[in-house]
PDB file of N, CA and C in Angstrom:
ATOM      1  N   MET A   1      -4.376   0.890  17.333  1.00  0.00           N
ATOM      2  CA  MET A   1      -3.076   1.476  17.365  1.00  0.00           C
ATOM      3  C   MET A   1      -2.896   2.323  16.112  1.00  0.00           C
ATOM      4  N   LYS A   2      -2.324   3.483  16.272  1.00  0.00           N
ATOM      5  CA  LYS A   2      -2.087   4.372  15.149  1.00  0.00           C
ATOM      6  C   LYS A   2      -0.584   4.534  14.957  1.00  0.00           C
ATOM      7  N   LEU A   3      -0.142   4.302  13.741  1.00  0.00           N
ATOM      8  CA  LEU A   3       1.264   4.469  13.402  1.00  0.00           C
ATOM      9  C   LEU A   3       1.401   5.595  12.399  1.00  0.00           C
ATOM     10  N   THR A   4       2.384   6.442  12.590  1.00  0.00           N
ATOM     11  CA  THR A   4       2.676   7.492  11.618  1.00  0.00           C
ATOM     12  C   THR A   4       4.143   7.384  11.226  1.00  0.00           C
ATOM     13  N   VAL A   5       4.418   7.745  10.001  1.00  0.00           N
ATOM     14  CA  VAL A   5       5.785   7.712   9.485  1.00  0.00           C
ATOM     15  C   VAL A   5       6.133   9.087   8.928  1.00  0.00           C
ATOM     16  N   ASP A   6       7.430   9.324   8.747  1.00  0.00           N
ATOM     17  CA  ASP A   6       7.884  10.645   8.314  1.00  0.00           C
ATOM     18  C   ASP A   6       8.021  10.803   6.804  1.00  0.00           C
ATOM     19  N   SER A   7       8.224   9.709   6.093  1.00  0.00           N
ATOM     20  CA  SER A   7       8.463   9.850   4.652  1.00  0.00           C
ATOM     21  C   SER A   7       7.614   8.858   3.865  1.00  0.00           C
ATOM     22  N   LYS A   8       7.530   9.109   2.570  1.00  0.00           N
ATOM     23  CA  LYS A   8       6.762   8.246   1.691  1.00  0.00           C
ATOM     24  C   LYS A   8       7.412   6.867   1.597  1.00  0.00           C
ATOM     25  N   ALA A   9       8.736   6.827   1.618  1.00  0.00           N
ATOM     26  CA  ALA A   9       9.447   5.548   1.554  1.00  0.00           C
ATOM     27  C   ALA A   9       9.125   4.681   2.772  1.00  0.00           C
ATOM     28  N   GLU A  10       9.086   5.298   3.951  1.00  0.00           N
ATOM     29  CA  GLU A  10       8.733   4.557   5.161  1.00  0.00           C
ATOM     30  C   GLU A  10       7.280   4.083   5.115  1.00  0.00           C
ATOM     31  N   HIS A  11       6.420   4.904   4.548  1.00  0.00           N
ATOM     32  CA  HIS A  11       5.002   4.561   4.403  1.00  0.00           C
ATOM     33  C   HIS A  11       4.865   3.294   3.552  1.00  0.00           C
ATOM     34  N   ILE A  12       5.545   3.251   2.428  1.00  0.00           N
ATOM     35  CA  ILE A  12       5.482   2.100   1.526  1.00  0.00           C
ATOM     36  C   ILE A  12       6.079   0.862   2.200  1.00  0.00           C
ATOM     37  N   LYS A  13       7.201   1.045   2.876  1.00  0.00           N
ATOM     38  CA  LYS A  13       7.866  -0.065   3.557  1.00  0.00           C
ATOM     39  C   LYS A  13       6.965  -0.671   4.646  1.00  0.00           C
ATOM     40  N   LEU A  14       6.337   0.180   5.454  1.00  0.00           N
ATOM     41  CA  LEU A  14       5.441  -0.285   6.509  1.00  0.00           C
ATOM     42  C   LEU A  14       4.221  -0.993   5.927  1.00  0.00           C
ATOM     43  N   LYS A  15       3.662  -0.422   4.875  1.00  0.00           N
ATOM     44  CA  LYS A  15       2.488  -1.012   4.243  1.00  0.00           C
ATOM     45  C   LYS A  15       2.820  -2.402   3.687  1.00  0.00           C
ATOM     46  N   ASN A  16       3.958  -2.528   3.022  1.00  0.00           N
ATOM     47  CA  ASN A  16       4.374  -3.831   2.485  1.00  0.00           C
ATOM     48  C   ASN A  16       4.597  -4.846   3.598  1.00  0.00           C
ATOM     49  N   TYR A  17       5.172  -4.407   4.710  1.00  0.00           N
ATOM     50  CA  TYR A  17       5.399  -5.305   5.845  1.00  0.00           C
ATOM     51  C   TYR A  17       4.073  -5.817   6.411  1.00  0.00           C
ATOM     52  N   LEU A  18       3.106  -4.931   6.564  1.00  0.00           N
ATOM     53  CA  LEU A  18       1.807  -5.328   7.113  1.00  0.00           C
ATOM     54  C   LEU A  18       1.081  -6.295   6.184  1.00  0.00           C
ATOM     55  N   ILE A  19       1.186  -6.067   4.892  1.00  0.00           N
ATOM     56  CA  ILE A  19       0.557  -6.975   3.926  1.00  0.00           C
ATOM     57  C   ILE A  19       1.235  -8.339   3.985  1.00  0.00           C
ATOM     58  N   LYS A  20       2.566  -8.325   3.994  1.00  0.00           N
ATOM     59  CA  LYS A  20       3.340  -9.573   4.020  1.00  0.00           C
ATOM     60  C   LYS A  20       3.061 -10.367   5.297  1.00  0.00           C
ATOM     61  N   SER A  21       2.874  -9.673   6.409  1.00  0.00           N
ATOM     62  CA  SER A  21       2.624 -10.329   7.691  1.00  0.00           C
ATOM     63  C   SER A  21       1.162 -10.696   7.889  1.00  0.00           C
ATOM     64  N   ARG A  22       0.326 -10.349   6.921  1.00  0.00           N
ATOM     65  CA  ARG A  22      -1.123 -10.616   6.974  1.00  0.00           C
ATOM     66  C   ARG A  22      -1.779  -9.989   8.206  1.00  0.00           C
ATOM     67  N   ILE A  23      -1.368  -8.770   8.486  1.00  0.00           N
ATOM     68  CA  ILE A  23      -1.935  -8.004   9.595  1.00  0.00           C
ATOM     69  C   ILE A  23      -2.994  -7.072   9.013  1.00  0.00           C
ATOM     70  N   GLU A  24      -4.182  -7.111   9.597  1.00  0.00           N
ATOM     71  CA  GLU A  24      -5.268  -6.251   9.120  1.00  0.00           C
ATOM     72  C   GLU A  24      -4.964  -4.805   9.507  1.00  0.00           C
ATOM     73  N   PHE A  25      -5.137  -3.883   8.548  1.00  0.00           N
ATOM     74  CA  PHE A  25      -4.849  -2.471   8.810  1.00  0.00           C
ATOM     75  C   PHE A  25      -5.674  -1.582   7.896  1.00  0.00           C
ATOM     76  N   LYS A  26      -5.759  -0.348   8.290  1.00  0.00           N
ATOM     77  CA  LYS A  26      -6.404   0.681   7.474  1.00  0.00           C
ATOM     78  C   LYS A  26      -5.358   1.755   7.241  1.00  0.00           C
ATOM     79  N   CYS A  27      -5.264   2.195   6.024  1.00  0.00           N
ATOM     80  CA  CYS A  27      -4.188   3.115   5.665  1.00  0.00           C
ATOM     81  C   CYS A  27      -4.772   4.377   5.029  1.00  0.00           C
ATOM     82  N   SER A  28      -4.253   5.522   5.421  1.00  0.00           N
ATOM     83  CA  SER A  28      -4.643   6.770   4.763  1.00  0.00           C
ATOM     84  C   SER A  28      -3.461   7.266   3.941  1.00  0.00           C
ATOM     85  N   ASN A  29      -3.772   7.945   2.875  1.00  0.00           N
ATOM     86  CA  ASN A  29      -2.722   8.453   1.999  1.00  0.00           C
ATOM     87  C   ASN A  29      -1.940   9.563   2.682  1.00  0.00           C
ATOM     88  N   PRO A  30      -0.663   9.685   2.360  1.00  0.00           N
ATOM     89  CA  PRO A  30       0.109  10.810   2.891  1.00  0.00           C
ATOM     90  C   PRO A  30      -0.499  12.137   2.431  1.00  0.00           C
ATOM     91  N   LYS A  31      -0.322  13.177   3.214  1.00  0.00           N
ATOM     92  CA  LYS A  31      -0.945  14.470   2.936  1.00  0.00           C
ATOM     93  C   LYS A  31      -0.584  14.998   1.549  1.00  0.00           C
ATOM     94  N   GLN A  32       0.664  14.799   1.116  1.00  0.00           N
ATOM     95  CA  GLN A  32       1.074  15.329  -0.182  1.00  0.00           C
ATOM     96  C   GLN A  32       0.414  14.587  -1.348  1.00  0.00           C
ATOM     97  N   ASP A  33      -0.185  13.412  -1.097  1.00  0.00           N
ATOM     98  CA  ASP A  33      -0.868  12.667  -2.150  1.00  0.00           C
ATOM     99  C   ASP A  33      -2.368  12.920  -2.190  1.00  0.00           C
ATOM    100  N   ARG A  34      -2.905  13.569  -1.168  1.00  0.00           N
ATOM    101  CA  ARG A  34      -4.346  13.848  -1.120  1.00  0.00           C
ATOM    102  C   ARG A  34      -4.673  15.080  -1.958  1.00  0.00           C
ATOM    103  N   PRO A  35      -5.848  15.086  -2.578  1.00  0.00           N
ATOM    104  CA  PRO A  35      -6.230  16.268  -3.366  1.00  0.00           C
ATOM    105  C   PRO A  35      -6.621  17.440  -2.468  1.00  0.00           C
ATOM    106  N   LEU A  36      -6.490  18.655  -3.022  1.00  0.00           N
ATOM    107  CA  LEU A  36      -6.993  19.843  -2.328  1.00  0.00           C
ATOM    108  C   LEU A  36      -8.504  19.860  -2.482  1.00  0.00           C
ATOM    109  N   LYS A  37      -9.205  20.177  -1.428  1.00  0.00           N
ATOM    110  CA  LYS A  37     -10.661  20.232  -1.458  1.00  0.00           C
ATOM    111  C   LYS A  37     -11.075  21.683  -1.295  1.00  0.00           C
ATOM    112  N   VAL A  38     -11.768  22.217  -2.310  1.00  0.00           N
ATOM    113  CA  VAL A  38     -12.135  23.629  -2.300  1.00  0.00           C
ATOM    114  C   VAL A  38     -13.613  23.799  -2.619  1.00  0.00           C
ATOM    115  N   LEU A  39     -14.104  24.984  -2.317  1.00  0.00           N
ATOM    116  CA  LEU A  39     -15.485  25.365  -2.590  1.00  0.00           C
ATOM    117  C   LEU A  39     -15.452  26.592  -3.490  1.00  0.00           C
ATOM    118  N   ILE A  40     -16.200  26.545  -4.582  1.00  0.00           N
ATOM    119  CA  ILE A  40     -16.289  27.680  -5.496  1.00  0.00           C
ATOM    120  C   ILE A  40     -17.627  28.356  -5.291  1.00  0.00           C
ATOM    121  N   ARG A  41     -17.588  29.660  -5.016  1.00  0.00           N
ATOM    122  CA  ARG A  41     -18.792  30.466  -4.829  1.00  0.00           C
ATOM    123  C   ARG A  41     -18.874  31.520  -5.936  1.00  0.00           C
ATOM    124  N   GLY A  42     -20.076  31.906  -6.263  1.00  0.00           N
ATOM    125  CA  GLY A  42     -20.270  33.021  -7.168  1.00  0.00           C
ATOM    126  C   GLY A  42     -20.717  32.649  -8.566  1.00  0.00           C
ATOM    127  N   LEU A  43     -20.630  31.385  -8.935  1.00  0.00           N
ATOM    128  CA  LEU A  43     -21.112  30.972 -10.247  1.00  0.00           C
ATOM    129  C   LEU A  43     -22.601  30.680 -10.174  1.00  0.00           C
ATOM    130  N   SER A  44     -23.258  30.749 -11.295  1.00  0.00           N
ATOM    131  CA  SER A  44     -24.684  30.466 -11.346  1.00  0.00           C
ATOM    132  C   SER A  44     -24.931  28.992 -11.030  1.00  0.00           C
ATOM    133  N   SER A  45     -26.072  28.701 -10.429  1.00  0.00           N
ATOM    134  CA  SER A  45     -26.387  27.312 -10.082  1.00  0.00           C
ATOM    135  C   SER A  45     -26.638  26.453 -11.317  1.00  0.00           C
ATOM    136  N   CYS A  46     -26.874  27.084 -12.463  1.00  0.00           N
ATOM    137  CA  CYS A  46     -27.108  26.313 -13.688  1.00  0.00           C
ATOM    138  C   CYS A  46     -25.818  26.097 -14.489  1.00  0.00           C
ATOM    139  N   THR A  47     -24.685  26.531 -13.962  1.00  0.00           N
ATOM    140  CA  THR A  47     -23.407  26.324 -14.641  1.00  0.00           C
ATOM    141  C   THR A  47     -23.065  24.845 -14.645  1.00  0.00           C
ATOM    142  N   SER A  48     -22.641  24.353 -15.785  1.00  0.00           N
ATOM    143  CA  SER A  48     -22.299  22.936 -15.911  1.00  0.00           C
ATOM    144  C   SER A  48     -20.921  22.660 -15.299  1.00  0.00           C
ATOM    145  N   PRO A  49     -20.815  21.629 -14.482  1.00  0.00           N
ATOM    146  CA  PRO A  49     -19.512  21.263 -13.929  1.00  0.00           C
ATOM    147  C   PRO A  49     -18.465  20.951 -15.006  1.00  0.00           C
ATOM    148  N   VAL A  50     -18.920  20.487 -16.172  1.00  0.00           N
ATOM    149  CA  VAL A  50     -18.002  20.190 -17.274  1.00  0.00           C
ATOM    150  C   VAL A  50     -17.319  21.475 -17.754  1.00  0.00           C
ATOM    151  N   PHE A  51     -18.067  22.566 -17.828  1.00  0.00           N
ATOM    152  CA  PHE A  51     -17.481  23.847 -18.242  1.00  0.00           C
ATOM    153  C   PHE A  51     -16.455  24.329 -17.222  1.00  0.00           C
ATOM    154  N   ILE A  52     -16.765  24.173 -15.950  1.00  0.00           N
ATOM    155  CA  ILE A  52     -15.829  24.590 -14.896  1.00  0.00           C
ATOM    156  C   ILE A  52     -14.550  23.773 -14.987  1.00  0.00           C
ATOM    157  N   THR A  53     -14.696  22.464 -15.154  1.00  0.00           N
ATOM    158  CA  THR A  53     -13.531  21.585 -15.259  1.00  0.00           C
ATOM    159  C   THR A  53     -12.652  21.972 -16.442  1.00  0.00           C
ATOM    160  N   SER A  54     -13.247  22.185 -17.596  1.00  0.00           N
ATOM    161  CA  SER A  54     -12.450  22.526 -18.784  1.00  0.00           C
ATOM    162  C   SER A  54     -11.774  23.886 -18.615  1.00  0.00           C
ATOM    163  N   HIS A  55     -12.458  24.836 -17.995  1.00  0.00           N
ATOM    164  CA  HIS A  55     -11.860  26.161 -17.770  1.00  0.00           C
ATOM    165  C   HIS A  55     -10.672  26.056 -16.809  1.00  0.00           C
ATOM    166  N   LEU A  56     -10.820  25.287 -15.751  1.00  0.00           N
ATOM    167  CA  LEU A  56      -9.728  25.111 -14.795  1.00  0.00           C
ATOM    168  C   LEU A  56      -8.559  24.355 -15.421  1.00  0.00           C
ATOM    169  N   GLU A  57      -8.838  23.413 -16.314  1.00  0.00           N
ATOM    170  CA  GLU A  57      -7.765  22.700 -17.015  1.00  0.00           C
ATOM    171  C   GLU A  57      -6.950  23.685 -17.852  1.00  0.00           C
ATOM    172  N   ARG A  58      -7.632  24.639 -18.506  1.00  0.00           N
ATOM    173  CA  ARG A  58      -6.921  25.652 -19.293  1.00  0.00           C
ATOM    174  C   ARG A  58      -6.077  26.566 -18.413  1.00  0.00           C
ATOM    175  N   LEU A  59      -6.489  26.739 -17.149  1.00  0.00           N
ATOM    176  CA  LEU A  59      -5.715  27.552 -16.209  1.00  0.00           C
ATOM    177  C   LEU A  59      -4.572  26.769 -15.571  1.00  0.00           C
ATOM    178  N   GLY A  60      -4.514  25.457 -15.828  1.00  0.00           N
ATOM    179  CA  GLY A  60      -3.417  24.647 -15.321  1.00  0.00           C
ATOM    180  C   GLY A  60      -3.719  23.827 -14.081  1.00  0.00           C
ATOM    181  N   PHE A  61      -4.995  23.668 -13.736  1.00  0.00           N
ATOM    182  CA  PHE A  61      -5.391  22.879 -12.573  1.00  0.00           C
ATOM    183  C   PHE A  61      -6.068  21.601 -13.043  1.00  0.00           C
ATOM    184  N   HIS A  62      -5.639  20.473 -12.501  1.00  0.00           N
ATOM    185  CA  HIS A  62      -6.246  19.189 -12.858  1.00  0.00           C
ATOM    186  C   HIS A  62      -7.293  18.835 -11.797  1.00  0.00           C
ATOM    187  N   THR A  63      -8.532  18.708 -12.220  1.00  0.00           N
ATOM    188  CA  THR A  63      -9.613  18.400 -11.279  1.00  0.00           C
ATOM    189  C   THR A  63      -9.855  16.905 -11.235  1.00  0.00           C
ATOM    190  N   GLU A  64     -10.002  16.373 -10.033  1.00  0.00           N
ATOM    191  CA  GLU A  64     -10.311  14.958  -9.865  1.00  0.00           C
ATOM    192  C   GLU A  64     -11.812  14.738  -9.755  1.00  0.00           C
ATOM    193  N   LYS A  65     -12.496  15.681  -9.109  1.00  0.00           N
ATOM    194  CA  LYS A  65     -13.935  15.524  -8.883  1.00  0.00           C
ATOM    195  C   LYS A  65     -14.555  16.904  -8.741  1.00  0.00           C
ATOM    196  N   ILE A  66     -15.747  17.066  -9.291  1.00  0.00           N
ATOM    197  CA  ILE A  66     -16.492  18.308  -9.104  1.00  0.00           C
ATOM    198  C   ILE A  66     -17.962  17.953  -8.901  1.00  0.00           C
ATOM    199  N   THR A  67     -18.568  18.610  -7.920  1.00  0.00           N
ATOM    200  CA  THR A  67     -19.963  18.328  -7.580  1.00  0.00           C
ATOM    201  C   THR A  67     -20.696  19.634  -7.325  1.00  0.00           C
ATOM    202  N   ARG A  68     -21.878  19.774  -7.914  1.00  0.00           N
ATOM    203  CA  ARG A  68     -22.737  20.917  -7.605  1.00  0.00           C
ATOM    204  C   ARG A  68     -23.474  20.586  -6.320  1.00  0.00           C
ATOM    205  N   LEU A  69     -23.420  21.467  -5.350  1.00  0.00           N
ATOM    206  CA  LEU A  69     -24.105  21.227  -4.081  1.00  0.00           C
ATOM    207  C   LEU A  69     -25.577  21.574  -4.206  1.00  0.00           C
ATOM    208  N   THR A  70     -26.395  20.845  -3.464  1.00  0.00           N
ATOM    209  CA  THR A  70     -27.832  21.064  -3.494  1.00  0.00           C
ATOM    210  C   THR A  70     -28.357  21.285  -2.084  1.00  0.00           C
ATOM    211  N   LYS A  71     -29.533  21.893  -2.002  1.00  0.00           N
ATOM    212  CA  LYS A  71     -30.184  22.069  -0.699  1.00  0.00           C
ATOM    213  C   LYS A  71     -30.620  20.698  -0.191  1.00  0.00           C
ATOM    214  N   PHE A  72     -30.490  20.508   1.103  1.00  0.00           N
ATOM    215  CA  PHE A  72     -30.732  19.190   1.688  1.00  0.00           C
ATOM    216  C   PHE A  72     -32.168  18.710   1.487  1.00  0.00           C
ATOM    217  N   ARG A  73     -33.126  19.521   1.805  1.00  0.00           N
ATOM    218  CA  ARG A  73     -34.527  19.072   1.766  1.00  0.00           C
ATOM    219  C   ARG A  73     -35.143  19.127   0.378  1.00  0.00           C
ATOM    220  N   THR A  74     -34.909  20.232  -0.337  1.00  0.00           N
ATOM    221  CA  THR A  74     -35.580  20.411  -1.622  1.00  0.00           C
ATOM    222  C   THR A  74     -34.781  19.880  -2.805  1.00  0.00           C
ATOM    223  N   LYS A  75     -33.504  19.604  -2.599  1.00  0.00           N
ATOM    224  CA  LYS A  75     -32.595  19.124  -3.649  1.00  0.00           C
ATOM    225  C   LYS A  75     -32.428  20.141  -4.777  1.00  0.00           C
ATOM    226  N   GLN A  76     -32.752  21.399  -4.506  1.00  0.00           N
ATOM    227  CA  GLN A  76     -32.543  22.469  -5.475  1.00  0.00           C
ATOM    228  C   GLN A  76     -31.049  22.770  -5.568  1.00  0.00           C
ATOM    229  N   PRO A  77     -30.516  22.985  -6.783  1.00  0.00           N
ATOM    230  CA  PRO A  77     -29.098  23.294  -6.912  1.00  0.00           C
ATOM    231  C   PRO A  77     -28.764  24.660  -6.313  1.00  0.00           C
ATOM    232  N   MET A  78     -27.617  24.736  -5.665  1.00  0.00           N
ATOM    233  CA  MET A  78     -27.144  25.996  -5.093  1.00  0.00           C
ATOM    234  C   MET A  78     -25.975  26.498  -5.936  1.00  0.00           C
ATOM    235  N   PRO A  79     -25.642  27.769  -5.818  1.00  0.00           N
ATOM    236  CA  PRO A  79     -24.509  28.308  -6.580  1.00  0.00           C
ATOM    237  C   PRO A  79     -23.169  27.993  -5.903  1.00  0.00           C
ATOM    238  N   LEU A  80     -23.008  26.752  -5.452  1.00  0.00           N
ATOM    239  CA  LEU A  80     -21.787  26.295  -4.789  1.00  0.00           C
ATOM    240  C   LEU A  80     -21.310  25.014  -5.459  1.00  0.00           C
ATOM    241  N   PHE A  81     -20.016  24.937  -5.680  1.00  0.00           N
ATOM    242  CA  PHE A  81     -19.440  23.752  -6.294  1.00  0.00           C
ATOM    243  C   PHE A  81     -18.299  23.246  -5.424  1.00  0.00           C
ATOM    244  N   TYR A  82     -18.337  21.955  -5.095  1.00  0.00           N
ATOM    245  CA  TYR A  82     -17.286  21.294  -4.330  1.00  0.00           C
ATOM    246  C   TYR A  82     -16.316  20.700  -5.346  1.00  0.00           C
ATOM    247  N   LEU A  83     -15.043  20.963  -5.148  1.00  0.00           N
ATOM    248  CA  LEU A  83     -14.050  20.587  -6.137  1.00  0.00           C
ATOM    249  C   LEU A  83     -12.847  19.955  -5.465  1.00  0.00           C
ATOM    250  N   GLN A  84     -12.331  18.876  -6.064  1.00  0.00           N
ATOM    251  CA  GLN A  84     -11.085  18.273  -5.614  1.00  0.00           C
ATOM    252  C   GLN A  84     -10.055  18.477  -6.714  1.00  0.00           C
ATOM    253  N   VAL A  85      -8.953  19.152  -6.363  1.00  0.00           N
ATOM    254  CA  VAL A  85      -7.889  19.470  -7.310  1.00  0.00           C
ATOM    255  C   VAL A  85      -6.680  18.612  -6.964  1.00  0.00           C
ATOM    256  N   THR A  86      -6.074  18.005  -7.989  1.00  0.00           N
ATOM    257  CA  THR A  86      -4.880  17.196  -7.771  1.00  0.00           C
ATOM    258  C   THR A  86      -3.805  18.041  -7.124  1.00  0.00           C
ATOM    259  N   ASN A  87      -3.235  17.532  -6.048  1.00  0.00           N
ATOM    260  CA  ASN A  87      -2.211  18.254  -5.304  1.00  0.00           C
ATOM    261  C   ASN A  87      -0.923  18.288  -6.120  1.00  0.00           C
ATOM    262  N   SER A  88      -0.411  19.480  -6.354  1.00  0.00           N
ATOM    263  CA  SER A  88       0.840  19.669  -7.082  1.00  0.00           C
ATOM    264  C   SER A  88       1.516  20.924  -6.549  1.00  0.00           C
ATOM    265  N   LEU A  89       2.645  21.269  -7.148  1.00  0.00           N
ATOM    266  CA  LEU A  89       3.374  22.458  -6.691  1.00  0.00           C
ATOM    267  C   LEU A  89       2.581  23.738  -6.907  1.00  0.00           C
ATOM    268  N   THR A  90       1.753  23.764  -7.939  1.00  0.00           N
ATOM    269  CA  THR A  90       0.994  24.972  -8.266  1.00  0.00           C
ATOM    270  C   THR A  90      -0.463  24.914  -7.817  1.00  0.00           C
ATOM    271  N   ALA A  91      -0.877  23.840  -7.168  1.00  0.00           N
ATOM    272  CA  ALA A  91      -2.287  23.670  -6.797  1.00  0.00           C
ATOM    273  C   ALA A  91      -2.772  24.745  -5.828  1.00  0.00           C
ATOM    274  N   GLU A  92      -1.903  25.225  -4.949  1.00  0.00           N
ATOM    275  CA  GLU A  92      -2.304  26.248  -3.970  1.00  0.00           C
ATOM    276  C   GLU A  92      -2.698  27.563  -4.647  1.00  0.00           C
ATOM    277  N   LYS A  93      -2.279  27.760  -5.879  1.00  0.00           N
ATOM    278  CA  LYS A  93      -2.611  29.002  -6.600  1.00  0.00           C
ATOM    279  C   LYS A  93      -4.095  29.099  -6.930  1.00  0.00           C
ATOM    280  N   ILE A  94      -4.827  27.998  -6.776  1.00  0.00           N
ATOM    281  CA  ILE A  94      -6.262  28.033  -7.083  1.00  0.00           C
ATOM    282  C   ILE A  94      -6.992  28.984  -6.144  1.00  0.00           C
ATOM    283  N   TYR A  95      -6.436  29.212  -4.943  1.00  0.00           N
ATOM    284  CA  TYR A  95      -7.082  30.129  -4.003  1.00  0.00           C
ATOM    285  C   TYR A  95      -6.990  31.577  -4.481  1.00  0.00           C
ATOM    286  N   GLY A  96      -6.128  31.852  -5.444  1.00  0.00           N
ATOM    287  CA  GLY A  96      -5.994  33.195  -5.989  1.00  0.00           C
ATOM    288  C   GLY A  96      -6.896  33.466  -7.182  1.00  0.00           C
ATOM    289  N   VAL A  97      -7.621  32.461  -7.641  1.00  0.00           N
ATOM    290  CA  VAL A  97      -8.525  32.629  -8.777  1.00  0.00           C
ATOM    291  C   VAL A  97      -9.704  33.494  -8.343  1.00  0.00           C
ATOM    292  N   THR A  98      -9.954  34.568  -9.094  1.00  0.00           N
ATOM    293  CA  THR A  98     -11.047  35.482  -8.743  1.00  0.00           C
ATOM    294  C   THR A  98     -12.164  35.513  -9.786  1.00  0.00           C
ATOM    295  N   ALA A  99     -11.937  34.872 -10.935  1.00  0.00           N
ATOM    296  CA  ALA A  99     -12.959  34.848 -11.979  1.00  0.00           C
ATOM    297  C   ALA A  99     -12.914  33.515 -12.715  1.00  0.00           C
ATOM    298  N   LEU A 100     -14.089  32.974 -12.970  1.00  0.00           N
ATOM    299  CA  LEU A 100     -14.224  31.746 -13.742  1.00  0.00           C
ATOM    300  C   LEU A 100     -15.344  31.923 -14.742  1.00  0.00           C
ATOM    301  N   LEU A 101     -15.094  31.524 -15.979  1.00  0.00           N
ATOM    302  CA  LEU A 101     -16.098  31.591 -17.042  1.00  0.00           C
ATOM    303  C   LEU A 101     -16.678  32.995 -17.198  1.00  0.00           C
ATOM    304  N   GLY A 102     -15.855  34.000 -17.043  1.00  0.00           N
ATOM    305  CA  GLY A 102     -16.292  35.385 -17.202  1.00  0.00           C
ATOM    306  C   GLY A 102     -17.127  35.925 -16.066  1.00  0.00           C
ATOM    307  N   THR A 103     -17.144  35.231 -14.955  1.00  0.00           N
ATOM    308  CA  THR A 103     -17.933  35.642 -13.792  1.00  0.00           C
ATOM    309  C   THR A 103     -17.024  35.759 -12.574  1.00  0.00           C
ATOM    310  N   ARG A 104     -17.280  36.756 -11.743  1.00  0.00           N
ATOM    311  CA  ARG A 104     -16.512  36.886 -10.511  1.00  0.00           C
ATOM    312  C   ARG A 104     -16.873  35.716  -9.604  1.00  0.00           C
ATOM    313  N   ALA A 105     -15.845  35.038  -9.132  1.00  0.00           N
ATOM    314  CA  ALA A 105     -16.054  33.872  -8.270  1.00  0.00           C
ATOM    315  C   ALA A 105     -14.977  33.853  -7.205  1.00  0.00           C
ATOM    316  N   SER A 106     -15.247  33.159  -6.125  1.00  0.00           N
ATOM    317  CA  SER A 106     -14.238  33.005  -5.082  1.00  0.00           C
ATOM    318  C   SER A 106     -14.012  31.530  -4.814  1.00  0.00           C
ATOM    319  N   VAL A 107     -12.772  31.209  -4.474  1.00  0.00           N
ATOM    320  CA  VAL A 107     -12.397  29.835  -4.170  1.00  0.00           C
ATOM    321  C   VAL A 107     -11.973  29.805  -2.698  1.00  0.00           C
ATOM    322  N   GLU A 108     -12.613  28.935  -1.933  1.00  0.00           N
ATOM    323  CA  GLU A 108     -12.370  28.866  -0.491  1.00  0.00           C
ATOM    324  C   GLU A 108     -11.971  27.463  -0.078  1.00  0.00           C
ATOM    325  N   ARG A 109     -11.328  27.379   1.056  1.00  0.00           N
ATOM    326  CA  ARG A 109     -10.978  26.054   1.614  1.00  0.00           C
ATOM    327  C   ARG A 109     -12.216  25.339   2.066  1.00  0.00           C
TER     328      ARG A 109
END
């Protein structure tokens, strides 16, 4: 059975009820609490994720996770970075970023 609620308050209330009633359930976070998941293209494959994170922090984006993608078979690094950005009022502006670390880059969904 799948239950959906309209507000965060209802989500918390339902979750507390299920715990109190000892009913087994699986819960997903509300959409506004989930991080934005983006792909960064255009940076060199040898770019350190730490540098990307610090640069994005200076631009006002808080990163939760960053991963350099690799080729499946050879495990060679690719010039693609998977990034999770904390969802906030300004988080959607990351799609407008056109340059990172002095290099032209694109940010995609």
